[in-house]
Amino acid sequence: MSLPPGQYTICNKQYGLYVGRSQKEDKSLNPKPIVALPGGDRPAWMAKQNNSNANILMVGDAPTATINNGVCAVLQSQPSATQWKITLAPQPDGNTHTYIITRADNPSLGWVMPSGEPGTQVAVRPLLAVPIYPPIYPPNQLWIITR
């Protein structure tokens, strides 16, 4: 599945923190880590669809990529943007906006929020799930994505 093109916010289910680029990042053109933001910050993300049923996720006009097992905004042409698969993760509470975000080229790797500390970078790690249908994921691997 992919998200329809448009503007969204992304919040980690376990910690209730929105993620995006830090307001305190340096002015270089180096990749910028995507981090848990302090309460109140809700940056706009843009989802762009491609032909392979995946998304490019952009924040601050920059596409995101996996760099050193973390999610980063890329301000230059290299490295190229990562294609992300965004899959609905049904919840017992009926929340219809809860997803896992995985690499389109390796769906076993996905977004994980290692801790609830603001400034913590979103990691790209193997996802763990209870092997039932539908699978149950730990809340630090779940993302609430809303328009």
Protein backbone atom coordinates (compact mmCIF):
# COMPACT_ATOMS: atom_id res chain seq x y z
CA MET A 1 0.00 0.00 0.00
CA SER A 2 1.04 3.58 -0.38
CA LEU A 3 -0.42 6.74 1.03
CA PRO A 4 -2.31 8.96 -1.37
CA PRO A 5 -0.17 11.98 -2.30
CA GLY A 6 -0.61 14.80 0.16
CA GLN A 7 0.43 16.46 3.38
CA TYR A 8 0.54 14.52 6.66
CA THR A 9 1.90 14.51 10.20
CA ILE A 10 3.77 11.49 11.59
CA CYS A 11 3.68 10.63 15.31
CA ASN A 12 5.12 7.62 17.12
CA LYS A 13 2.35 5.62 18.80
CA GLN A 14 4.32 4.60 21.91
CA TYR A 15 5.76 7.97 22.85
CA GLY A 16 3.20 10.35 21.32
CA LEU A 17 6.00 12.43 19.81
CA TYR A 18 5.91 13.82 16.28
CA VAL A 19 9.00 13.37 14.15
CA GLY A 20 10.77 15.67 11.71
CA ARG A 21 13.87 17.78 11.28
CA SER A 22 15.25 19.50 14.36
CA GLN A 23 14.90 23.26 14.60
CA LYS A 24 18.50 23.27 15.89
CA GLU A 25 20.17 21.62 12.90
CA ASP A 26 23.36 22.97 11.36
CA LYS A 27 23.32 25.03 8.15
CA SER A 28 25.39 22.59 6.08
CA LEU A 29 24.00 20.55 3.19
CA ASN A 30 24.78 17.31 5.02
CA PRO A 31 21.86 14.91 5.60
CA LYS A 32 19.70 15.93 8.56
CA PRO A 33 18.54 13.29 11.03
CA ILE A 34 14.80 12.78 11.49
CA VAL A 35 14.23 13.02 15.24
CA ALA A 36 11.53 12.96 17.91
CA LEU A 37 10.49 16.57 18.43
CA PRO A 38 9.60 18.37 21.66
CA GLY A 39 5.89 18.58 22.47
CA GLY A 40 3.92 20.89 20.23
CA ASP A 41 6.12 20.61 17.13
CA ARG A 42 4.12 18.98 14.30
CA PRO A 43 5.99 19.37 11.02
CA ALA A 44 4.22 18.76 7.75
CA TRP A 45 5.34 15.74 5.75
CA MET A 46 4.64 15.29 2.05
CA ALA A 47 3.93 11.84 0.64
CA LYS A 48 4.67 11.38 -3.06
CA GLN A 49 3.64 8.21 -4.86
CA ASN A 50 5.70 6.37 -7.41
CA ASN A 51 4.89 3.63 -9.89
CA SER A 52 5.99 0.78 -7.61
CA ASN A 53 3.22 1.31 -5.02
CA ALA A 54 5.64 2.98 -2.61
CA ASN A 55 6.11 6.51 -1.30
CA ILE A 56 8.84 9.08 -1.11
CA LEU A 57 8.40 10.81 2.26
CA MET A 58 9.56 14.41 2.36
CA VAL A 59 9.89 16.87 5.22
CA GLY A 60 11.05 20.47 4.86
CA ASP A 61 11.11 20.00 1.04
CA ALA A 62 13.74 17.25 1.40
CA PRO A 63 13.23 13.55 0.65
CA THR A 64 14.20 11.01 3.27
CA ALA A 65 16.72 8.20 3.02
CA THR A 66 18.24 5.49 5.19
CA ILE A 67 21.74 6.55 6.25
CA ASN A 68 23.73 4.57 8.83
CA ASN A 69 20.58 2.74 9.99
CA GLY A 70 18.71 5.99 10.62
CA VAL A 71 16.17 8.13 8.77
CA CYS A 72 17.61 11.38 7.37
CA ALA A 73 16.39 14.24 5.20
CA VAL A 74 18.65 14.50 2.14
CA LEU A 75 19.42 18.03 0.92
CA GLN A 76 21.52 17.05 -2.11
CA SER A 77 21.01 14.59 -4.96
CA GLN A 78 23.01 11.85 -3.20
CA PRO A 79 22.19 9.57 -1.56
CA SER A 80 18.96 8.98 -3.41
CA ALA A 81 15.65 8.94 -1.56
CA THR A 82 14.50 5.69 0.01
CA GLN A 83 11.23 4.27 -1.28
CA TRP A 84 8.97 3.53 1.69
CA LYS A 85 6.01 1.12 1.96
CA ILE A 86 3.36 2.39 4.34
CA THR A 87 1.17 -0.45 5.60
CA LEU A 88 -1.92 -0.16 7.76
CA ALA A 89 -1.44 -1.92 11.11
CA PRO A 90 -4.95 -2.72 12.43
CA GLN A 91 -5.33 -1.83 16.10
CA PRO A 92 -7.63 -3.31 18.77
CA ASP A 93 -8.88 0.22 19.53
CA GLY A 94 -10.01 0.59 15.90
CA ASN A 95 -7.54 3.39 15.08
CA THR A 96 -7.44 3.56 11.28
CA HIS A 97 -4.41 5.85 11.06
CA THR A 98 -1.78 3.51 12.53
CA TYR A 99 0.89 2.20 10.16
CA ILE A 100 4.27 0.56 9.90
CA ILE A 101 6.79 2.23 7.57
CA THR A 102 9.18 -0.17 5.84
CA ARG A 103 11.77 -0.01 3.09
CA ALA A 104 10.16 -0.96 -0.23
CA ASP A 105 13.32 -2.86 -1.22
CA ASN A 106 13.55 -4.73 2.12
CA PRO A 107 10.21 -4.87 4.00
CA SER A 108 11.80 -6.51 7.04
CA LEU A 109 13.47 -3.13 7.81
CA GLY A 110 11.35 -0.28 9.07
CA TRP A 111 11.06 2.83 11.19
CA VAL A 112 11.63 2.30 14.93
CA MET A 113 11.61 4.96 17.67
CA PRO A 114 14.37 3.78 20.07
CA SER A 115 13.31 6.02 23.00
CA GLY A 116 10.91 8.76 23.98
CA GLU A 117 13.59 11.42 24.43
CA PRO A 118 13.17 14.46 22.17
CA GLY A 119 16.12 14.56 19.78
CA THR A 120 16.30 10.76 19.39
CA GLN A 121 16.77 9.81 15.74
CA VAL A 122 14.27 7.49 14.06
CA ALA A 123 16.12 4.21 13.43
CA VAL A 124 15.76 1.78 10.53
CA ARG A 125 15.88 -1.70 12.03
CA PRO A 126 14.40 -5.17 11.58
CA LEU A 127 10.76 -5.02 12.67
CA LEU A 128 9.49 -7.43 15.29
CA ALA A 129 5.93 -8.72 15.26
CA VAL A 130 3.75 -11.33 16.92
CA PRO A 131 3.29 -13.86 14.11
CA ILE A 132 -0.51 -13.89 13.93
CA TYR A 133 -2.87 -12.37 11.41
CA PRO A 134 -2.95 -9.47 11.43
CA PRO A 135 0.53 -9.16 12.95
CA ILE A 136 0.88 -7.21 16.18
CA TYR A 137 3.81 -4.77 16.31
CA PRO A 138 5.36 -3.11 19.38
CA PRO A 139 4.11 0.49 19.70
CA ASN A 140 7.60 1.97 19.14
CA GLN A 141 7.35 0.57 15.57
CA LEU A 142 3.89 2.05 14.94
CA TRP A 143 3.24 5.45 13.42
CA ILE A 144 0.07 7.52 13.50
CA ILE A 145 -0.13 9.25 10.14
CA THR A 146 -2.87 11.85 9.70
CA ARG A 147 -3.74 14.60 7.25
